[in-house]
Structures are given as C-alpha cells and as structure tokens.
Amino acid sequence: MELTLLGTGAPDGLPRHGCPCASCAAAVGEEARAATSLLVDGALLIDLTPGAAFAAARAGYSLVGVRQVLLSHPHAGPAVEFPAGLPAPVRVPDGRRLSLISGHRVRAVALDSPGTGYEVTGPDGTRLLYLPPGGAPAGLPDPAEPYDMALLDVLGRPDALAALRASGAVGATTDVLAVHLDHAAPPGRELHRRLATAGARAVPDGQTLIVGEYHAVPDLPRRTLVLGGARSGKSLEAERRLAAFPDVLYVATGGTRDGDPEWAARVKAHRERRPGSWHTTETCDLAPLLAEQGPPLLIDCLSLWLTDAMDSVGAWDDDTWAHGGEQALRERVSALVAAVRATSRTVVAVSNEVGSGVVPATASGRRFRDELGRLNAAFADECEHVLLVVAGQPLPLRG
C-alpha cells in the first residue's frame, strides 16, 4: 500500500498566517506544512483540505483516480474547497466498514473526542491507522493486532500512542508518523529529536511512503541520563521522553518531608503533570527495580539518591568519612552503576549538574558536589543517551 502525505500540519497549517512565534518563523522549506491529508494508492483520500489538488500535483500525483473521500474532523463537509470530479466527501459512522472497488477496506474507529479515526487495509493486507488532531481511540481490543503504520497527533496526544502501545496496536515494527503538527511543536531539529524519543518521526509534505517498510523506525535508547541545574526543565524533559509509553514506573527518591509545604508543593506539581497510566513508588533502593523485568523506569533524581546514600554511611562527618564512610559510599555507587549496566528495562534518570556553580563554603558541601559529579559521570558511561538541559533546552551530549 502506497501512502502520499499531501499535508502533515495542523488544520491551520504551519506556519500560521500572521503568527510571529519562533516555530512559525522557522517553518520554512521542508518544515512548512499544509493541513494533514492522505492519499492512499491514488484511490482513497482522507481529509479534504485547502489546495489538495495542487498538493497532489506537486507530489507528482493526480486526484482523478480517487474513488472515496473520507473526513475525520468533527464537521460534516469539506474544509474550504471541493475540487470538481471528486466523489462527495463523507464521514463514516463509528464502527462502520467500507469495501472500496480499489480493493481497500476501511473501518471507522471511535474516538474519545469529536471526530473519526480510520483503519485502512490495503489489497496487499498491510494496515494503517489514521487519527485526527487531538484524538485517541475510545476502546481497543486487548490484545490488538499491530498496525504496519500509525499516523496521529504524537506531540499533542502522547497518551494516545501510549494506549496503542499498551494494547499491542503499535508494536516494535509499527512505523509511527507524527501529523497535525502546529506551532506548539518545537522548531527544526528539536522537533525530530523529540519525536524520535517517542519512537516516531515526521516527514515533509508530499512524501510517498510504502506501508510496511520498517527501515525508518527510530531505535529507542534503553538508558538515558538527563542532567540540568535547578528549574532547568530537566524533570519535564525526562517525563516527556516517556509520555508516549504505558505503565511507566516513576521512582521518587526524595520521599516526604513533614512540615515542609514548599517541598509538598513541588511533589504535587510533579504528580499532576504525569500521565494517569503511570505508577509511583518512593524508594532509594534502585538496584532491585533495575534487576526486575517490567515497564520503563523514570528515576527522579540521582542527587537525592546520593543524599540518602551519604546519610546512610555517615559521609557528612569528616571522621566517619575518613574511616570507612568513603569506601562504603564507593561500594553503593558501584552497585548502582553495575545494576544500570545490567538492566534490561528502559530507564530515564534525572540528576542535578552542580559542578559549575559557586564552590560550597563547607567541607560536607564540597564533598557532596564532588561525589555527585563522580556519580553522574559513572552513570552517564552506562547510558546510550545523555542530555544537559539549560533554560528548558535539551542539549545532547551523547546519542
């Protein structure tokens, strides 16, 4: 089955007319996107958008062979124009199936928001799923047969991708394409980096793809370390990297602090922005979790793990540090690093980068700074991806 993307942008396109934002300013060349519209084998058109005939012509195709036009958006008619000669566009009721004279079979997929998704099976048996902007399936069989390709609003609804993965509808060989891209998406290379962390990709308007070819599916890293200073956005970046995956286990190493309302507010803010399908555990005993099989781990953060480890070995006291405390801490760090090296789970860990600030005034403060630097370096050595977040901008250091 051959798929041509006549557009990959949001309904208003990218850039938006008259918008001065950074994403719109950077949306030039291949990063400029018309409203999403799909042409399947020259016979099926999904979503009739402004300029569809011209978009097809630019891609080297004609719409004269189109036998069916389907609408996914929550309205009953064409967006702006209706080129002469095309069949009347329709929205198919949820659950209804169509068999086209071209040999394609279509099933309308119910969503959790207004609109309709479409499952298309080609004459060759390959299958694709298309979801409109802001939509996620409202019920999936469990287990579901994996699609060869899925096209959806990856950045706007990462939970939709997580649900598809949880049901098996998106598997290891499913080519996940981001569509409905708008100016809320980061511009340029950052867009493609962020999509890759979700196991997805974006292609320019007009590109033709063969459904079922898997060579372009991004490889996901097993271990990632996200570094950054205070309020740099490092935790948000770590959470974003796993937002499209189900059943993530969030490992909070900070615990609770009775009588500290500021700390309670921080913990609450973190909890409220996590997907509802995630689970949370509060522990600094990381090695057993890393040794187990299970869903991805998000560890936030290593600096608090180190604080607990230094408490346990009495590292804050100079005499204890000199008479066994340092060696005991080295053993704890080595055990953690070995567990990271051996784990088969997907792990995203967060840590503070404190080595670039003011030199601490106390010996114990300098000891913590030095030990955290050593821990970060040893942990990073075991990770495929390492990032430094500065002012909310992730800077890849490895991977």
Protein backbone atom coordinates (compact mmCIF):
# COMPACT_ATOMS: atom_id res chain seq x y z
CA MET A 1 0.00 0.00 0.00
CA GLU A 2 1.40 3.37 -1.05
CA LEU A 3 0.70 6.45 1.05
CA THR A 4 1.33 10.05 -0.06
CA LEU A 5 1.15 12.75 2.61
CA LEU A 6 -0.34 15.78 0.86
CA GLY A 7 -0.02 17.64 4.15
CA THR A 8 1.25 16.89 7.67
CA GLY A 9 0.30 20.03 9.57
CA ALA A 10 -2.49 21.16 11.86
CA PRO A 11 -5.78 22.39 10.35
CA ASP A 12 -4.39 25.96 10.27
CA GLY A 13 -1.13 24.78 8.71
CA LEU A 14 2.42 25.63 9.71
CA PRO A 15 3.35 28.47 9.75
CA ARG A 16 0.07 30.00 10.81
CA HIS A 17 -0.85 33.06 8.80
CA GLY A 18 0.30 36.20 10.59
CA CYS A 19 1.82 34.39 13.58
CA PRO A 20 5.22 35.78 14.72
CA CYS A 21 6.21 32.88 17.04
CA ALA A 22 9.57 31.12 16.79
CA SER A 23 8.09 27.88 15.46
CA CYS A 24 6.24 29.69 12.67
CA ALA A 25 9.33 31.73 11.83
CA ALA A 26 11.37 28.53 11.47
CA ALA A 27 8.71 26.70 9.42
CA VAL A 28 10.32 27.15 6.02
CA GLY A 29 11.25 24.67 3.31
CA GLU A 30 10.56 21.11 4.41
CA GLU A 31 9.40 22.32 7.82
CA ALA A 32 6.43 24.19 6.30
CA ARG A 33 3.33 22.03 6.45
CA ALA A 34 -0.16 22.18 4.97
CA ALA A 35 -3.14 20.72 6.81
CA THR A 36 -2.86 16.94 7.06
CA SER A 37 -4.31 15.00 4.15
CA LEU A 38 -3.56 11.44 2.97
CA LEU A 39 -3.73 9.92 -0.50
CA VAL A 40 -3.76 6.10 -0.40
CA ASP A 41 -2.80 4.30 -3.63
CA GLY A 42 -4.26 7.19 -5.58
CA ALA A 43 -7.74 5.81 -4.81
CA LEU A 44 -8.60 6.93 -1.27
CA LEU A 45 -8.32 10.50 0.03
CA ILE A 46 -8.57 11.07 3.77
CA ASP A 47 -9.35 14.64 4.82
CA LEU A 48 -10.09 17.11 2.07
CA THR A 49 -8.03 20.21 2.80
CA PRO A 50 -7.44 23.52 1.01
CA GLY A 51 -5.31 23.02 -2.09
CA ALA A 52 -5.45 19.21 -2.08
CA ALA A 53 -5.39 19.03 -5.90
CA PHE A 54 -2.35 21.30 -6.11
CA ALA A 55 -0.59 19.41 -3.30
CA ALA A 56 -1.12 16.16 -5.17
CA ALA A 57 0.20 17.70 -8.38
CA ARG A 58 3.32 18.95 -6.59
CA ALA A 59 3.92 15.40 -5.34
CA GLY A 60 3.52 14.06 -8.88
CA TYR A 61 0.02 12.64 -8.47
CA SER A 62 -3.48 13.37 -9.70
CA LEU A 63 -6.77 13.05 -7.83
CA VAL A 64 -8.67 11.81 -10.90
CA GLY A 65 -8.43 8.20 -9.68
CA VAL A 66 -9.85 8.90 -6.22
CA ARG A 67 -12.89 6.70 -5.56
CA GLN A 68 -13.64 7.67 -1.95
CA VAL A 69 -13.09 10.83 0.14
CA LEU A 70 -13.33 10.45 3.92
CA LEU A 71 -13.48 13.19 6.54
CA SER A 72 -12.11 12.71 10.04
CA HIS A 73 -12.60 16.15 11.58
CA PRO A 74 -15.75 16.87 13.61
CA HIS A 75 -17.63 18.62 10.80
CA ALA A 76 -19.84 17.37 8.00
CA GLY A 77 -18.38 18.96 4.89
CA PRO A 78 -15.18 19.89 3.08
CA ALA A 79 -12.82 22.32 4.77
CA VAL A 80 -12.76 25.05 2.12
CA GLU A 81 -12.94 23.78 -1.42
CA PHE A 82 -14.31 20.77 -3.27
CA PRO A 83 -12.38 20.06 -6.49
CA ALA A 84 -14.60 19.12 -9.39
CA GLY A 85 -14.71 15.43 -10.23
CA LEU A 86 -14.10 14.08 -6.73
CA PRO A 87 -16.67 11.86 -5.03
CA ALA A 88 -18.71 13.60 -2.32
CA PRO A 89 -16.73 13.55 0.95
CA VAL A 90 -18.30 11.68 3.86
CA ARG A 91 -17.69 10.84 7.49
CA VAL A 92 -18.28 7.18 8.22
CA PRO A 93 -20.22 6.34 11.43
CA ASP A 94 -18.14 4.76 14.20
CA GLY A 95 -17.61 1.06 13.68
CA ARG A 96 -18.94 1.07 10.11
CA ARG A 97 -16.89 -0.80 7.48
CA LEU A 98 -16.46 0.07 3.81
CA SER A 99 -15.13 -2.05 0.96
CA LEU A 100 -13.87 0.03 -1.95
CA ILE A 101 -13.74 -1.01 -5.59
CA SER A 102 -9.98 -0.42 -5.43
CA GLY A 103 -9.65 -3.37 -3.03
CA HIS A 104 -9.16 -1.29 0.12
CA ARG A 105 -11.15 -1.97 3.26
CA VAL A 106 -11.91 0.83 5.72
CA ARG A 107 -13.19 0.73 9.30
CA ALA A 108 -14.25 3.86 11.21
CA VAL A 109 -12.62 3.99 14.66
CA ALA A 110 -14.45 5.61 17.58
CA LEU A 111 -12.51 8.31 19.44
CA ASP A 112 -12.52 9.86 22.90
CA SER A 113 -13.05 13.29 21.30
CA PRO A 114 -15.14 14.62 18.39
CA GLY A 115 -14.04 13.20 15.06
CA THR A 116 -13.45 9.82 13.45
CA GLY A 117 -10.34 7.68 13.04
CA TYR A 118 -9.85 5.30 10.14
CA GLU A 119 -8.25 1.89 9.85
CA VAL A 120 -7.32 1.14 6.24
CA THR A 121 -6.36 -2.31 4.98
CA GLY A 122 -4.76 -2.41 1.54
CA PRO A 123 -5.18 -5.06 -1.17
CA ASP A 124 -1.80 -6.43 -0.08
CA GLY A 125 -3.01 -6.89 3.52
CA THR A 126 -0.96 -4.08 5.07
CA ARG A 127 -2.80 -1.95 7.64
CA LEU A 128 -2.60 1.67 8.72
CA LEU A 129 -4.38 3.68 11.41
CA TYR A 130 -5.10 7.38 11.00
CA LEU A 131 -6.35 9.57 13.87
CA PRO A 132 -7.49 13.21 13.54
CA PRO A 133 -5.94 16.04 15.59
CA GLY A 134 -6.41 15.68 19.35
CA GLY A 135 -7.96 12.22 19.03
CA ALA A 136 -7.28 8.87 20.70
CA PRO A 137 -9.14 5.56 20.23
CA ALA A 138 -12.09 5.18 22.60
CA GLY A 139 -11.64 1.46 23.03
CA LEU A 140 -9.13 -1.05 21.72
CA PRO A 141 -9.19 -4.84 21.65
CA ASP A 142 -6.71 -6.41 24.07
CA PRO A 143 -4.54 -7.72 22.63
CA ALA A 144 -4.78 -5.86 19.33
CA GLU A 145 -3.06 -6.81 16.10
CA PRO A 146 -0.22 -4.35 15.44
CA TYR A 147 -0.62 -1.92 12.56
CA ASP A 148 2.08 -1.53 9.96
CA MET A 149 1.77 2.26 10.19
CA ALA A 150 0.05 4.68 12.58
CA LEU A 151 -0.46 8.38 11.87
CA LEU A 152 -1.55 10.54 14.79
CA ASP A 153 -1.01 13.69 16.83
CA VAL A 154 2.05 12.36 18.66
CA LEU A 155 3.03 15.59 20.41
CA GLY A 156 -0.50 16.73 21.22
CA ARG A 157 -1.73 13.32 22.43
CA PRO A 158 1.24 11.21 23.54
CA ASP A 159 -1.21 9.29 25.73
CA ALA A 160 -2.94 8.06 22.56
CA LEU A 161 0.32 6.50 21.42
CA ALA A 162 0.83 5.03 24.89
CA ALA A 163 -2.63 3.46 24.76
CA LEU A 164 -1.94 1.99 21.32
CA ARG A 165 1.30 0.50 22.63
CA ALA A 166 -0.43 -0.89 25.72
CA SER A 167 -2.99 -2.73 23.58
CA GLY A 168 -0.41 -4.02 21.10
CA ALA A 169 -1.84 -1.95 18.23
CA VAL A 170 1.56 -0.24 17.96
CA GLY A 171 4.40 -2.73 18.12
CA ALA A 172 8.14 -2.76 17.61
CA THR A 173 7.81 -2.70 13.82
CA THR A 174 4.99 -0.16 13.55
CA ASP A 175 6.06 2.95 11.68
CA VAL A 176 4.68 5.83 13.79
CA LEU A 177 4.28 9.12 11.89
CA ALA A 178 3.51 12.43 13.55
CA VAL A 179 0.90 14.52 11.73
CA HIS A 180 -1.23 17.57 12.62
CA LEU A 181 1.97 19.41 13.56
CA ASP A 182 1.40 23.02 14.57
CA HIS A 183 3.31 25.91 16.09
CA ALA A 184 3.15 24.39 19.58
CA ALA A 185 5.75 21.90 18.32
CA PRO A 186 9.42 22.91 18.69
CA PRO A 187 11.05 24.16 15.50
CA GLY A 188 13.63 22.43 13.34
CA ARG A 189 15.85 19.65 14.61
CA GLU A 190 14.33 19.72 18.09
CA LEU A 191 11.02 18.51 16.64
CA HIS A 192 12.65 15.46 15.09
CA ARG A 193 14.70 14.74 18.23
CA ARG A 194 11.61 14.89 20.42
CA LEU A 195 9.64 12.63 18.11
CA ALA A 196 12.47 10.11 17.99
CA THR A 197 12.34 9.76 21.78
CA ALA A 198 8.69 8.71 21.38
CA GLY A 199 9.60 6.18 18.67
CA ALA A 200 8.03 8.36 15.99
CA ARG A 201 9.12 10.50 13.05
CA ALA A 202 7.88 13.27 10.82
CA VAL A 203 8.31 13.55 7.04
CA PRO A 204 7.91 16.53 4.73
CA ASP A 205 4.69 17.25 2.86
CA GLY A 206 4.45 15.45 -0.46
CA GLN A 207 6.49 12.41 0.56
CA THR A 208 5.33 8.98 -0.57
CA LEU A 209 5.82 6.02 1.75
CA ILE A 210 5.31 2.29 1.37
CA VAL A 211 3.25 0.96 4.28
CA GLY A 212 5.07 -1.97 5.84
CA GLU A 213 8.64 -0.78 5.27
CA TYR A 214 10.28 -0.66 8.68
CA HIS A 215 13.78 0.62 7.99
CA ALA A 216 12.99 4.18 9.18
CA VAL A 217 11.54 3.25 12.58
CA PRO A 218 13.70 5.03 15.22
CA ASP A 219 15.68 2.89 17.65
CA LEU A 220 14.81 3.78 21.24
CA PRO A 221 17.61 4.07 23.81
CA ARG A 222 17.44 1.73 26.78
CA ARG A 223 19.18 4.09 29.21
CA THR A 224 19.08 7.89 29.29
CA LEU A 225 20.54 10.38 31.78
CA VAL A 226 19.08 13.90 31.88
CA LEU A 227 21.23 16.50 33.65
CA GLY A 228 20.45 20.10 34.48
CA GLY A 229 20.53 22.83 37.08
CA ALA A 230 17.71 23.95 39.35
CA ARG A 231 14.48 24.72 37.47
CA SER A 232 16.22 24.00 34.17
CA GLY A 233 13.38 21.82 32.88
CA LYS A 234 15.28 18.54 33.30
CA SER A 235 12.40 16.68 35.00
CA LEU A 236 9.93 17.85 32.35
CA GLU A 237 12.30 16.67 29.61
CA ALA A 238 12.63 13.27 31.31
CA GLU A 239 8.85 12.93 31.63
CA ARG A 240 8.36 14.00 28.02
CA ARG A 241 10.67 11.20 26.83
CA LEU A 242 8.34 8.56 28.31
CA ALA A 243 4.95 10.25 27.81
CA ALA A 244 4.15 8.03 24.80
CA PHE A 245 4.75 4.79 26.72
CA PRO A 246 2.28 2.98 29.02
CA ASP A 247 2.62 1.87 32.63
CA VAL A 248 5.77 3.86 33.40
CA LEU A 249 7.02 3.43 36.97
CA TYR A 250 8.02 6.81 38.42
CA VAL A 251 10.66 6.28 41.10
CA ALA A 252 10.74 9.23 43.50
CA THR A 253 13.91 9.20 45.58
CA GLY A 254 13.05 12.31 47.62
CA GLY A 255 10.45 10.79 49.90
CA THR A 256 8.26 13.01 52.06
CA ARG A 257 9.24 15.90 54.34
CA ASP A 258 6.78 16.53 57.13
CA GLY A 259 6.16 20.19 57.85
CA ASP A 260 7.71 21.42 54.58
CA PRO A 261 4.89 22.96 52.48
CA GLU A 262 7.29 24.10 49.72
CA TRP A 263 8.50 20.52 49.19
CA ALA A 264 4.91 19.25 49.23
CA ALA A 265 4.02 21.78 46.52
CA ARG A 266 6.93 20.57 44.36
CA VAL A 267 5.85 16.94 44.72
CA LYS A 268 2.23 17.83 43.90
CA ALA A 269 3.25 19.71 40.73
CA HIS A 270 5.24 16.69 39.53
CA ARG A 271 2.37 14.29 40.22
CA GLU A 272 -0.24 16.41 38.45
CA ARG A 273 1.65 16.54 35.16
CA ARG A 274 2.31 12.79 34.96
CA PRO A 275 0.03 10.67 32.75
CA GLY A 276 -2.73 8.87 34.60
CA SER A 277 -1.45 5.46 33.49
CA TRP A 278 1.86 5.91 35.34
CA HIS A 279 2.56 4.41 38.74
CA THR A 280 4.71 5.89 41.52
CA THR A 281 6.97 4.36 44.14
CA GLU A 282 9.06 6.23 46.71
CA THR A 283 12.35 4.46 47.32
CA CYS A 284 16.11 4.80 47.12
CA ASP A 285 16.58 1.04 46.74
CA LEU A 286 17.11 1.19 42.97
CA ALA A 287 19.13 -1.97 42.27
CA PRO A 288 16.19 -4.41 42.72
CA LEU A 289 13.97 -2.34 40.42
CA LEU A 290 16.69 -2.27 37.77
CA ALA A 291 17.11 -6.03 38.03
CA GLU A 292 13.41 -6.76 37.50
CA GLN A 293 11.60 -7.10 34.19
CA GLY A 294 8.90 -4.50 33.71
CA PRO A 295 7.79 -1.23 32.19
CA PRO A 296 10.08 1.80 31.83
CA LEU A 297 11.53 3.43 34.93
CA LEU A 298 11.80 7.18 35.44
CA ILE A 299 14.18 7.87 38.33
CA ASP A 300 13.95 11.39 39.76
CA CYS A 301 16.54 12.02 40.94
CA LEU A 302 20.09 10.72 41.47
CA SER A 303 21.13 13.71 43.58
CA LEU A 304 18.51 12.80 46.20
CA TRP A 305 19.55 9.15 45.96
CA LEU A 306 23.12 10.27 46.72
CA THR A 307 21.93 12.35 49.68
CA ASP A 308 20.26 9.27 51.13
CA ALA A 309 23.34 7.14 50.45
CA MET A 310 25.61 9.67 52.15
CA ASP A 311 23.24 9.80 55.12
CA SER A 312 23.38 6.01 55.40
CA VAL A 313 27.19 5.80 55.51
CA GLY A 314 27.70 8.89 57.68
CA ALA A 315 29.53 10.73 54.92
CA TRP A 316 28.81 14.19 56.30
CA ASP A 317 31.09 13.63 59.28
CA ASP A 318 34.79 14.09 58.46
CA ASP A 319 35.99 11.40 60.85
CA THR A 320 33.43 8.83 59.66
CA TRP A 321 34.24 9.70 56.05
CA ALA A 322 37.95 9.10 56.62
CA HIS A 323 37.41 5.81 58.49
CA GLY A 324 35.21 3.77 56.19
CA GLY A 325 32.48 6.16 55.05
CA GLU A 326 34.16 6.97 51.73
CA GLN A 327 34.71 3.29 50.91
CA ALA A 328 31.12 2.43 51.87
CA LEU A 329 29.78 5.14 49.56
CA ARG A 330 32.01 3.95 46.71
CA GLU A 331 30.54 0.46 47.10
CA ARG A 332 26.96 1.77 46.98
CA VAL A 333 27.68 3.82 43.84
CA SER A 334 29.43 0.88 42.18
CA ALA A 335 26.46 -1.39 42.91
CA LEU A 336 24.08 1.15 41.37
CA VAL A 337 26.22 1.59 38.27
CA ALA A 338 26.52 -2.18 37.85
CA ALA A 339 22.74 -2.50 38.08
CA VAL A 340 22.30 0.15 35.38
CA ARG A 341 24.81 -1.65 33.15
CA ALA A 342 22.96 -4.97 33.54
CA THR A 343 19.36 -3.77 33.35
CA SER A 344 17.08 -4.82 30.50
CA ARG A 345 14.49 -2.15 31.36
CA THR A 346 14.11 1.21 29.71
CA VAL A 347 15.47 3.77 32.18
CA VAL A 348 15.38 7.55 32.19
CA ALA A 349 17.20 9.09 35.14
CA VAL A 350 17.39 12.72 36.25
CA SER A 351 20.27 14.32 38.11
CA ASN A 352 21.47 17.78 39.06
CA GLU A 353 24.54 19.31 37.46
CA VAL A 354 26.12 21.20 40.37
CA GLY A 355 29.77 21.41 39.34
CA SER A 356 29.52 24.74 37.53
CA GLY A 357 28.27 26.90 40.40
CA VAL A 358 29.79 28.58 43.40
CA VAL A 359 32.21 26.45 45.42
CA PRO A 360 30.34 25.33 48.58
CA ALA A 361 31.50 27.00 51.78
CA THR A 362 31.62 23.79 53.85
CA ALA A 363 33.65 20.61 53.55
CA SER A 364 30.48 18.49 53.52
CA GLY A 365 29.01 20.66 50.75
CA ARG A 366 32.14 20.27 48.66
CA ARG A 367 32.10 16.53 49.36
CA PHE A 368 28.52 16.24 48.06
CA ARG A 369 29.36 18.28 44.95
CA ASP A 370 32.36 16.09 44.17
CA GLU A 371 30.56 12.80 44.80
CA LEU A 372 27.59 13.85 42.67
CA GLY A 373 29.95 14.72 39.83
CA ARG A 374 31.53 11.27 40.10
CA LEU A 375 28.12 9.57 40.24
CA ASN A 376 26.85 11.48 37.21
CA ALA A 377 29.95 10.57 35.21
CA ALA A 378 29.78 6.87 36.12
CA PHE A 379 26.03 6.69 35.41
CA ALA A 380 26.46 8.51 32.09
CA ASP A 381 29.08 5.99 31.00
CA GLU A 382 26.37 3.31 31.06
CA CYS A 383 23.78 5.31 29.08
CA GLU A 384 23.17 5.42 25.35
CA HIS A 385 21.73 8.95 25.62
CA VAL A 386 22.95 11.78 27.86
CA LEU A 387 21.42 15.26 27.77
CA LEU A 388 22.12 18.56 29.52
CA VAL A 389 19.07 20.81 29.90
CA VAL A 390 19.76 24.55 30.01
CA ALA A 391 16.92 27.10 30.14
CA GLY A 392 14.50 24.37 29.07
CA GLN A 393 16.57 23.48 26.01
CA PRO A 394 17.94 19.91 25.89
CA LEU A 395 21.49 19.70 24.58
CA PRO A 396 22.51 16.16 23.53
CA LEU A 397 25.87 15.13 24.98
CA ARG A 398 25.67 11.54 23.74
CA GLY A 399 23.33 9.76 21.38
